[in-house]
Amino acid sequence: MKYLLLLIGLGVLFFVLGARRGRPSEPEARKPPPPAPPQAMLSCAECGMHLPADEALPGKGGVFCSAAHRTSFEARQGQA
């Protein structure tokens, strides 16, 4: 009977130690993700709104915040 209790105790001990080993430590789990690197901000040639460079749409005469602004700007430039 005492060997059975010893075997159960060792099983519980290995289970607890194994569960702890699989989880990250407390300071590592609370560490916030690194901030995103800064991006260049560009101004829309039509309305002047600032937007990140990776979201800007290139066109004739500058960069734009939307396809509608690019179309209206280029249409106006073609008339002049």
C-alpha atoms as a PDB file:
ATOM      1  CA  MET A   1       0.000   0.000   0.000  1.00  0.00           C
ATOM      2  CA  LYS A   2       2.814   2.418   0.848  1.00  0.00           C
ATOM      3  CA  TYR A   3       4.435   1.719  -2.545  1.00  0.00           C
ATOM      4  CA  LEU A   4       1.190   2.650  -4.261  1.00  0.00           C
ATOM      5  CA  LEU A   5       1.056   5.968  -2.334  1.00  0.00           C
ATOM      6  CA  LEU A   6       4.723   6.596  -3.194  1.00  0.00           C
ATOM      7  CA  LEU A   7       4.041   5.898  -6.871  1.00  0.00           C
ATOM      8  CA  ILE A   8       1.017   8.238  -6.890  1.00  0.00           C
ATOM      9  CA  GLY A   9       3.046  10.950  -5.110  1.00  0.00           C
ATOM     10  CA  LEU A  10       5.847  10.693  -7.680  1.00  0.00           C
ATOM     11  CA  GLY A  11       3.315  10.847 -10.509  1.00  0.00           C
ATOM     12  CA  VAL A  12       1.783  14.017  -9.098  1.00  0.00           C
ATOM     13  CA  LEU A  13       5.240  15.533  -8.609  1.00  0.00           C
ATOM     14  CA  PHE A  14       6.264  14.837 -12.224  1.00  0.00           C
ATOM     15  CA  PHE A  15       2.930  16.173 -13.475  1.00  0.00           C
ATOM     16  CA  VAL A  16       3.334  19.447 -11.559  1.00  0.00           C
ATOM     17  CA  LEU A  17       6.950  19.925 -12.632  1.00  0.00           C
ATOM     18  CA  GLY A  18       6.110  19.107 -16.250  1.00  0.00           C
ATOM     19  CA  ALA A  19       3.234  21.605 -16.306  1.00  0.00           C
ATOM     20  CA  ARG A  20       5.497  24.366 -14.975  1.00  0.00           C
ATOM     21  CA  ARG A  21       8.197  23.662 -17.514  1.00  0.00           C
ATOM     22  CA  GLY A  22       5.776  24.080 -20.442  1.00  0.00           C
ATOM     23  CA  ARG A  23       4.621  27.594 -19.438  1.00  0.00           C
ATOM     24  CA  PRO A  24       6.768  30.702 -19.946  1.00  0.00           C
ATOM     25  CA  SER A  25       8.061  32.430 -16.862  1.00  0.00           C
ATOM     26  CA  GLU A  26       6.099  35.361 -15.459  1.00  0.00           C
ATOM     27  CA  PRO A  27       8.350  38.262 -16.609  1.00  0.00           C
ATOM     28  CA  GLU A  28       8.594  36.795 -20.114  1.00  0.00           C
ATOM     29  CA  ALA A  29       4.818  36.388 -20.388  1.00  0.00           C
ATOM     30  CA  ARG A  30       4.143  40.006 -19.342  1.00  0.00           C
ATOM     31  CA  LYS A  31       6.674  41.564 -21.728  1.00  0.00           C
ATOM     32  CA  PRO A  32       4.833  43.775 -24.255  1.00  0.00           C
ATOM     33  CA  PRO A  33       5.529  43.267 -27.955  1.00  0.00           C
ATOM     34  CA  PRO A  34       8.091  45.625 -29.476  1.00  0.00           C
ATOM     35  CA  PRO A  35       6.635  48.763 -31.042  1.00  0.00           C
ATOM     36  CA  ALA A  36       6.300  48.972 -34.794  1.00  0.00           C
ATOM     37  CA  PRO A  37       9.062  50.955 -36.488  1.00  0.00           C
ATOM     38  CA  PRO A  38       8.121  54.498 -37.499  1.00  0.00           C
ATOM     39  CA  GLN A  39       6.956  55.063 -41.064  1.00  0.00           C
ATOM     40  CA  ALA A  40       7.298  58.042 -43.346  1.00  0.00           C
ATOM     41  CA  MET A  41       4.097  60.086 -43.536  1.00  0.00           C
ATOM     42  CA  LEU A  42       3.043  61.536 -46.879  1.00  0.00           C
ATOM     43  CA  SER A  43       0.447  64.162 -47.715  1.00  0.00           C
ATOM     44  CA  CYS A  44      -2.336  63.536 -50.237  1.00  0.00           C
ATOM     45  CA  ALA A  45      -1.949  65.901 -53.211  1.00  0.00           C
ATOM     46  CA  GLU A  46      -5.736  66.354 -53.391  1.00  0.00           C
ATOM     47  CA  CYS A  47      -6.923  66.874 -49.817  1.00  0.00           C
ATOM     48  CA  GLY A  48      -3.700  67.217 -47.808  1.00  0.00           C
ATOM     49  CA  MET A  49      -4.468  64.354 -45.421  1.00  0.00           C
ATOM     50  CA  HIS A  50      -1.358  62.674 -44.013  1.00  0.00           C
ATOM     51  CA  LEU A  51      -1.078  58.906 -44.347  1.00  0.00           C
ATOM     52  CA  PRO A  52       1.652  56.252 -44.001  1.00  0.00           C
ATOM     53  CA  ALA A  53       3.845  55.760 -47.062  1.00  0.00           C
ATOM     54  CA  ASP A  54       2.820  52.110 -47.448  1.00  0.00           C
ATOM     55  CA  GLU A  55      -0.875  53.108 -47.760  1.00  0.00           C
ATOM     56  CA  ALA A  56      -0.363  55.975 -50.253  1.00  0.00           C
ATOM     57  CA  LEU A  57      -1.392  55.516 -53.888  1.00  0.00           C
ATOM     58  CA  PRO A  58       1.111  56.936 -56.404  1.00  0.00           C
ATOM     59  CA  GLY A  59      -0.153  58.976 -59.330  1.00  0.00           C
ATOM     60  CA  LYS A  60       0.722  61.790 -61.698  1.00  0.00           C
ATOM     61  CA  GLY A  61       1.532  64.801 -59.581  1.00  0.00           C
ATOM     62  CA  GLY A  62       2.049  63.132 -56.197  1.00  0.00           C
ATOM     63  CA  VAL A  63       0.606  60.533 -53.871  1.00  0.00           C
ATOM     64  CA  PHE A  64      -3.036  60.169 -52.889  1.00  0.00           C
ATOM     65  CA  CYS A  65      -5.131  58.782 -50.056  1.00  0.00           C
ATOM     66  CA  SER A  66      -7.678  57.101 -52.343  1.00  0.00           C
ATOM     67  CA  ALA A  67      -8.277  56.204 -55.978  1.00  0.00           C
ATOM     68  CA  ALA A  68     -11.100  58.768 -56.173  1.00  0.00           C
ATOM     69  CA  HIS A  69      -8.759  61.590 -55.157  1.00  0.00           C
ATOM     70  CA  ARG A  70      -6.144  60.419 -57.649  1.00  0.00           C
ATOM     71  CA  THR A  71      -8.751  60.366 -60.447  1.00  0.00           C
ATOM     72  CA  SER A  72     -10.177  63.800 -59.629  1.00  0.00           C
ATOM     73  CA  PHE A  73      -6.703  65.371 -59.325  1.00  0.00           C
ATOM     74  CA  GLU A  74      -5.505  63.908 -62.617  1.00  0.00           C
ATOM     75  CA  ALA A  75      -8.744  64.947 -64.378  1.00  0.00           C
ATOM     76  CA  ARG A  76      -8.335  68.505 -63.143  1.00  0.00           C
ATOM     77  CA  GLN A  77      -4.669  68.570 -64.225  1.00  0.00           C
ATOM     78  CA  GLY A  78      -5.661  67.350 -67.698  1.00  0.00           C
ATOM     79  CA  GLN A  79      -8.122  70.256 -68.111  1.00  0.00           C
ATOM     80  CA  ALA A  80      -5.580  72.953 -67.305  1.00  0.00           C
END
